[in-house]
Amino acid sequence: MLKMNDLASIVVLGAAVSAPKLWLAAAITLAFAAFGRLVHGVTTSGAVAGAIVCFALLMGAGWAGFGALCAVFALTWAATRFGYARKQRLGTAEPRGGRTASQVIANLGVSAVCAVAYSFHQDPRILLALGAALAEAAADTVSSEVGQAIGERPRLLTTWDEVSPGTDGAITLAGTAAGLLGALLVSSAYVWFASLGWREGLICASAGLMGTFADSLLGATAERRGMIGNNTVNLCSTLVAAFLALLLA
């Protein structure tokens, strides 16, 4: 566990985390949003929301935030298209047009808020919360998509009963393993760009993975009962990951 004096030494991260100039951040943001729309990773509204998130991460967390965002996008885009034919047969495939603005904000809104918060109050613990939120966003999507593509019969997290693929709150071994790998990859990219250490990377990855279990728990309980929707579940799970990272720090 990190000590406060260890965290204080991370506050000044140098050029690796320093925010790009405004014009450069705007140009990168536009290019990123256009690329996401071009490859059908997001809808038009999703591209606008993604641009807002991208700009916030660039200005608040610099290249570390942007590098991790790119890792999240690449992993989730690839996972969504992995085994797409099978997911179509199961009726669980994401629309080919990409994710909408509400989906983008639900998955990445917490990390954007953390980036803005860090730009005003440079507490290094906020950087860990940001990294954990991004790790959870990747792990959640990757675990779900891979589990539906190649996983065995999913089981409900709360009762361990076998359920149909795509059931809220259901998990598979293959999906969980893929989610862990996704969290580790995003956390590794984040700490590398931010010039942080392996302990910080483990905090981000661990909190992110625990956030995915919170996602499954909410899905198996509140979402299945119609109390909340999937976007709310995703938003809450990234909040859980960010909060756990703050605690672990």
Protein backbone atom coordinates (compact mmCIF):
# COMPACT_ATOMS: atom_id res chain seq x y z
CA MET A 1 0.00 0.00 0.00
CA LEU A 2 1.24 3.46 -0.87
CA LYS A 3 2.12 5.89 1.86
CA MET A 4 1.16 9.53 1.69
CA ASN A 5 4.74 10.67 1.24
CA ASP A 6 5.07 8.24 -1.67
CA LEU A 7 1.97 9.70 -3.25
CA ALA A 8 3.21 13.23 -2.72
CA SER A 9 6.29 12.44 -4.77
CA ILE A 10 4.07 11.63 -7.75
CA VAL A 11 2.34 15.02 -7.88
CA VAL A 12 4.89 16.48 -10.27
CA LEU A 13 4.99 13.94 -13.10
CA GLY A 14 6.94 16.04 -15.59
CA ALA A 15 6.48 16.09 -19.30
CA ALA A 16 4.90 12.64 -19.44
CA VAL A 17 1.71 13.89 -17.83
CA SER A 18 1.86 17.62 -18.58
CA ALA A 19 -1.18 18.70 -20.55
CA PRO A 20 -0.64 19.44 -24.25
CA LYS A 21 -1.21 22.97 -25.45
CA LEU A 22 -4.82 23.87 -26.18
CA TRP A 23 -4.51 23.82 -29.96
CA LEU A 24 -2.71 20.49 -29.96
CA ALA A 25 -5.26 18.94 -27.61
CA ALA A 26 -8.08 20.20 -29.84
CA ALA A 27 -6.47 18.76 -32.97
CA ILE A 28 -5.86 15.37 -31.33
CA THR A 29 -9.41 15.34 -29.98
CA LEU A 30 -10.94 15.98 -33.41
CA ALA A 31 -8.75 13.31 -35.01
CA PHE A 32 -9.63 10.78 -32.31
CA ALA A 33 -13.37 11.44 -32.59
CA ALA A 34 -13.27 11.26 -36.38
CA PHE A 35 -11.34 7.98 -36.29
CA GLY A 36 -13.77 6.46 -33.80
CA ARG A 37 -16.68 7.37 -36.09
CA LEU A 38 -14.85 6.14 -39.20
CA VAL A 39 -14.29 2.65 -37.80
CA HIS A 40 -17.86 2.54 -36.42
CA GLY A 41 -16.68 2.39 -32.84
CA VAL A 42 -19.18 5.13 -31.97
CA THR A 43 -22.21 6.79 -33.47
CA THR A 44 -22.17 10.48 -34.36
CA SER A 45 -23.46 11.39 -30.90
CA GLY A 46 -20.95 8.97 -29.40
CA ALA A 47 -18.14 10.70 -31.30
CA VAL A 48 -19.17 14.06 -29.82
CA ALA A 49 -19.25 12.60 -26.32
CA GLY A 50 -15.94 10.84 -26.95
CA ALA A 51 -14.40 14.13 -28.06
CA ILE A 52 -15.44 15.78 -24.80
CA VAL A 53 -13.93 12.92 -22.80
CA CYS A 54 -10.75 12.92 -24.88
CA PHE A 55 -10.24 16.66 -24.47
CA ALA A 56 -10.82 16.48 -20.72
CA LEU A 57 -8.30 13.64 -20.35
CA LEU A 58 -5.70 15.42 -22.46
CA MET A 59 -5.99 18.71 -20.61
CA GLY A 60 -6.35 17.17 -17.15
CA ALA A 61 -4.09 14.12 -17.25
CA GLY A 62 -1.99 14.76 -20.35
CA TRP A 63 -0.57 11.95 -22.42
CA ALA A 64 -1.24 9.40 -19.68
CA GLY A 65 -4.98 9.96 -19.92
CA PHE A 66 -4.95 9.96 -23.70
CA GLY A 67 -2.76 6.86 -23.95
CA ALA A 68 -5.02 4.92 -21.62
CA LEU A 69 -8.09 6.14 -23.51
CA CYS A 70 -6.61 4.83 -26.76
CA ALA A 71 -5.97 1.48 -25.07
CA VAL A 72 -9.58 1.35 -23.84
CA PHE A 73 -10.90 2.17 -27.31
CA ALA A 74 -8.71 -0.40 -29.06
CA LEU A 75 -9.57 -3.19 -26.62
CA THR A 76 -13.30 -2.55 -26.55
CA TRP A 77 -13.50 -2.12 -30.33
CA ALA A 78 -11.67 -5.40 -30.93
CA ALA A 79 -13.66 -7.27 -28.24
CA THR A 80 -16.98 -6.05 -29.63
CA ARG A 81 -16.14 -7.44 -33.06
CA PHE A 82 -14.63 -10.65 -31.73
CA GLY A 83 -17.01 -13.55 -32.38
CA TYR A 84 -19.59 -11.13 -33.78
CA ALA A 85 -21.42 -13.79 -35.80
CA ARG A 86 -22.05 -15.92 -32.71
CA LYS A 87 -23.20 -12.90 -30.72
CA GLN A 88 -25.63 -12.05 -33.52
CA ARG A 89 -27.11 -15.54 -33.32
CA LEU A 90 -27.45 -15.16 -29.57
CA GLY A 91 -29.05 -11.74 -29.98
CA THR A 92 -26.44 -10.05 -27.78
CA ALA A 93 -24.34 -8.26 -30.42
CA GLU A 94 -23.82 -4.52 -30.18
CA PRO A 95 -25.22 -2.49 -33.12
CA ARG A 96 -22.70 -2.12 -35.94
CA GLY A 97 -23.06 1.65 -35.81
CA GLY A 98 -21.12 1.82 -32.55
CA ARG A 99 -21.80 3.08 -29.05
CA THR A 100 -23.98 6.10 -28.42
CA ALA A 101 -23.26 9.23 -26.41
CA SER A 102 -25.04 7.86 -23.34
CA GLN A 103 -22.94 4.69 -23.47
CA VAL A 104 -19.71 6.65 -23.85
CA ILE A 105 -20.53 8.92 -20.91
CA ALA A 106 -21.64 5.97 -18.78
CA ASN A 107 -18.32 4.21 -19.35
CA LEU A 108 -15.89 7.14 -19.51
CA GLY A 109 -17.62 10.02 -17.72
CA VAL A 110 -16.05 9.26 -14.34
CA SER A 111 -12.53 9.28 -15.78
CA ALA A 112 -13.22 12.61 -17.47
CA VAL A 113 -14.45 14.10 -14.18
CA CYS A 114 -11.32 12.79 -12.45
CA ALA A 115 -9.17 14.46 -15.10
CA VAL A 116 -10.93 17.79 -14.61
CA ALA A 117 -10.65 17.43 -10.84
CA TYR A 118 -6.91 16.74 -11.13
CA SER A 119 -6.39 19.87 -13.22
CA PHE A 120 -7.77 21.94 -10.33
CA HIS A 121 -6.40 19.93 -7.42
CA GLN A 122 -3.29 17.94 -8.23
CA ASP A 123 -3.74 15.22 -5.68
CA PRO A 124 -1.96 12.13 -7.06
CA ARG A 125 -4.67 9.88 -5.65
CA ILE A 126 -7.01 11.34 -8.25
CA LEU A 127 -4.69 10.01 -10.94
CA LEU A 128 -5.11 6.52 -9.53
CA ALA A 129 -8.89 6.92 -9.44
CA LEU A 130 -8.79 8.01 -13.07
CA GLY A 131 -6.69 5.01 -14.09
CA ALA A 132 -8.96 2.62 -12.20
CA ALA A 133 -12.08 4.04 -13.88
CA LEU A 134 -10.52 3.52 -17.32
CA ALA A 135 -9.35 0.03 -16.39
CA GLU A 136 -12.87 -0.88 -15.26
CA ALA A 137 -14.42 0.48 -18.46
CA ALA A 138 -12.14 -1.74 -20.53
CA ALA A 139 -12.44 -4.80 -18.29
CA ASP A 140 -16.22 -4.64 -18.17
CA THR A 141 -16.70 -4.47 -21.94
CA VAL A 142 -13.96 -6.96 -22.76
CA SER A 143 -15.22 -9.53 -20.23
CA SER A 144 -18.78 -9.26 -21.49
CA GLU A 145 -17.93 -9.41 -25.19
CA VAL A 146 -15.38 -12.20 -24.95
CA GLY A 147 -17.57 -14.21 -22.59
CA GLN A 148 -20.45 -14.07 -25.06
CA ALA A 149 -18.15 -14.99 -27.95
CA ILE A 150 -16.30 -18.00 -26.54
CA GLY A 151 -17.40 -18.47 -22.97
CA GLU A 152 -19.19 -21.48 -21.56
CA ARG A 153 -22.71 -21.28 -20.19
CA PRO A 154 -22.72 -18.12 -18.03
CA ARG A 155 -23.65 -18.20 -14.37
CA LEU A 156 -25.44 -15.56 -12.36
CA LEU A 157 -23.05 -13.97 -9.87
CA THR A 158 -25.52 -13.94 -6.97
CA THR A 159 -26.86 -17.51 -7.16
CA TRP A 160 -24.38 -19.25 -9.46
CA ASP A 161 -27.29 -20.62 -11.49
CA GLU A 162 -26.73 -21.22 -15.20
CA VAL A 163 -28.46 -18.56 -17.30
CA SER A 164 -28.72 -17.56 -20.95
CA PRO A 165 -25.87 -15.57 -22.58
CA GLY A 166 -26.38 -11.84 -22.20
CA THR A 167 -28.26 -12.14 -18.92
CA ASP A 168 -27.66 -9.17 -16.64
CA GLY A 169 -25.17 -10.03 -13.93
CA ALA A 170 -23.94 -13.25 -15.57
CA ILE A 171 -20.24 -14.09 -15.79
CA THR A 172 -18.03 -16.71 -17.45
CA LEU A 173 -14.52 -17.89 -16.72
CA ALA A 174 -13.28 -16.86 -20.17
CA GLY A 175 -14.88 -13.45 -19.86
CA THR A 176 -13.46 -12.86 -16.39
CA ALA A 177 -9.96 -13.81 -17.56
CA ALA A 178 -10.28 -11.50 -20.56
CA GLY A 179 -11.49 -8.69 -18.30
CA LEU A 180 -8.48 -9.14 -16.03
CA LEU A 181 -6.18 -8.95 -19.03
CA GLY A 182 -7.94 -5.83 -20.26
CA ALA A 183 -7.59 -4.12 -16.88
CA LEU A 184 -3.89 -4.99 -16.76
CA LEU A 185 -3.24 -3.72 -20.29
CA VAL A 186 -4.99 -0.39 -19.73
CA SER A 187 -3.33 0.09 -16.34
CA SER A 188 0.07 -0.72 -17.83
CA ALA A 189 -0.40 1.83 -20.59
CA TYR A 190 -1.57 4.41 -18.09
CA VAL A 191 1.28 4.05 -15.60
CA TRP A 192 3.86 3.91 -18.41
CA PHE A 193 2.72 7.22 -19.89
CA ALA A 194 2.37 8.73 -16.41
CA SER A 195 5.81 7.53 -15.27
CA LEU A 196 4.24 5.80 -12.26
CA GLY A 197 5.38 2.56 -10.63
CA TRP A 198 4.13 -1.01 -10.73
CA ARG A 199 2.35 -0.61 -7.38
CA GLU A 200 0.23 2.18 -8.81
CA GLY A 201 -0.49 -0.01 -11.83
CA LEU A 202 -1.66 -2.84 -9.58
CA ILE A 203 -3.92 -0.45 -7.68
CA CYS A 204 -5.55 0.71 -10.93
CA ALA A 205 -5.93 -2.82 -12.28
CA SER A 206 -7.21 -4.30 -9.00
CA ALA A 207 -9.73 -1.54 -8.43
CA GLY A 208 -10.82 -1.77 -12.05
CA LEU A 209 -11.39 -5.53 -11.82
CA MET A 210 -13.31 -5.18 -8.56
CA GLY A 211 -15.44 -2.58 -10.30
CA THR A 212 -16.44 -5.18 -12.92
CA PHE A 213 -17.67 -7.50 -10.16
CA ALA A 214 -19.66 -4.58 -8.77
CA ASP A 215 -21.10 -4.20 -12.28
CA SER A 216 -22.15 -7.86 -12.33
CA LEU A 217 -23.63 -7.61 -8.84
CA LEU A 218 -25.70 -4.57 -9.78
CA GLY A 219 -26.74 -6.28 -12.99
CA ALA A 220 -27.86 -9.41 -11.16
CA THR A 221 -29.88 -7.43 -8.62
CA ALA A 222 -31.01 -3.88 -9.40
CA GLU A 223 -30.87 -4.12 -13.20
CA ARG A 224 -32.69 -7.47 -13.41
CA ARG A 225 -35.47 -6.03 -11.26
CA GLY A 226 -35.83 -3.05 -13.58
CA MET A 227 -34.69 -0.55 -10.97
CA ILE A 228 -31.83 0.84 -13.09
CA GLY A 229 -30.62 0.52 -16.67
CA ASN A 230 -27.36 -0.72 -18.12
CA ASN A 231 -25.86 2.75 -18.51
CA THR A 232 -26.49 3.48 -14.84
CA VAL A 233 -24.86 0.17 -13.92
CA ASN A 234 -21.79 1.05 -15.99
CA LEU A 235 -21.55 4.51 -14.47
CA CYS A 236 -21.84 3.14 -10.94
CA SER A 237 -19.21 0.46 -11.55
CA THR A 238 -16.65 3.00 -12.75
CA LEU A 239 -17.45 5.08 -9.67
CA VAL A 240 -16.83 2.04 -7.49
CA ALA A 241 -13.47 1.41 -9.20
CA ALA A 242 -12.40 5.04 -8.75
CA PHE A 243 -13.45 5.04 -5.09
CA LEU A 244 -11.64 1.76 -4.38
CA ALA A 245 -8.47 3.18 -5.93
CA LEU A 246 -8.69 6.16 -3.59
CA LEU A 247 -9.05 3.78 -0.64
CA LEU A 248 -6.15 1.60 -1.75
CA ALA A 249 -3.96 4.66 -2.15
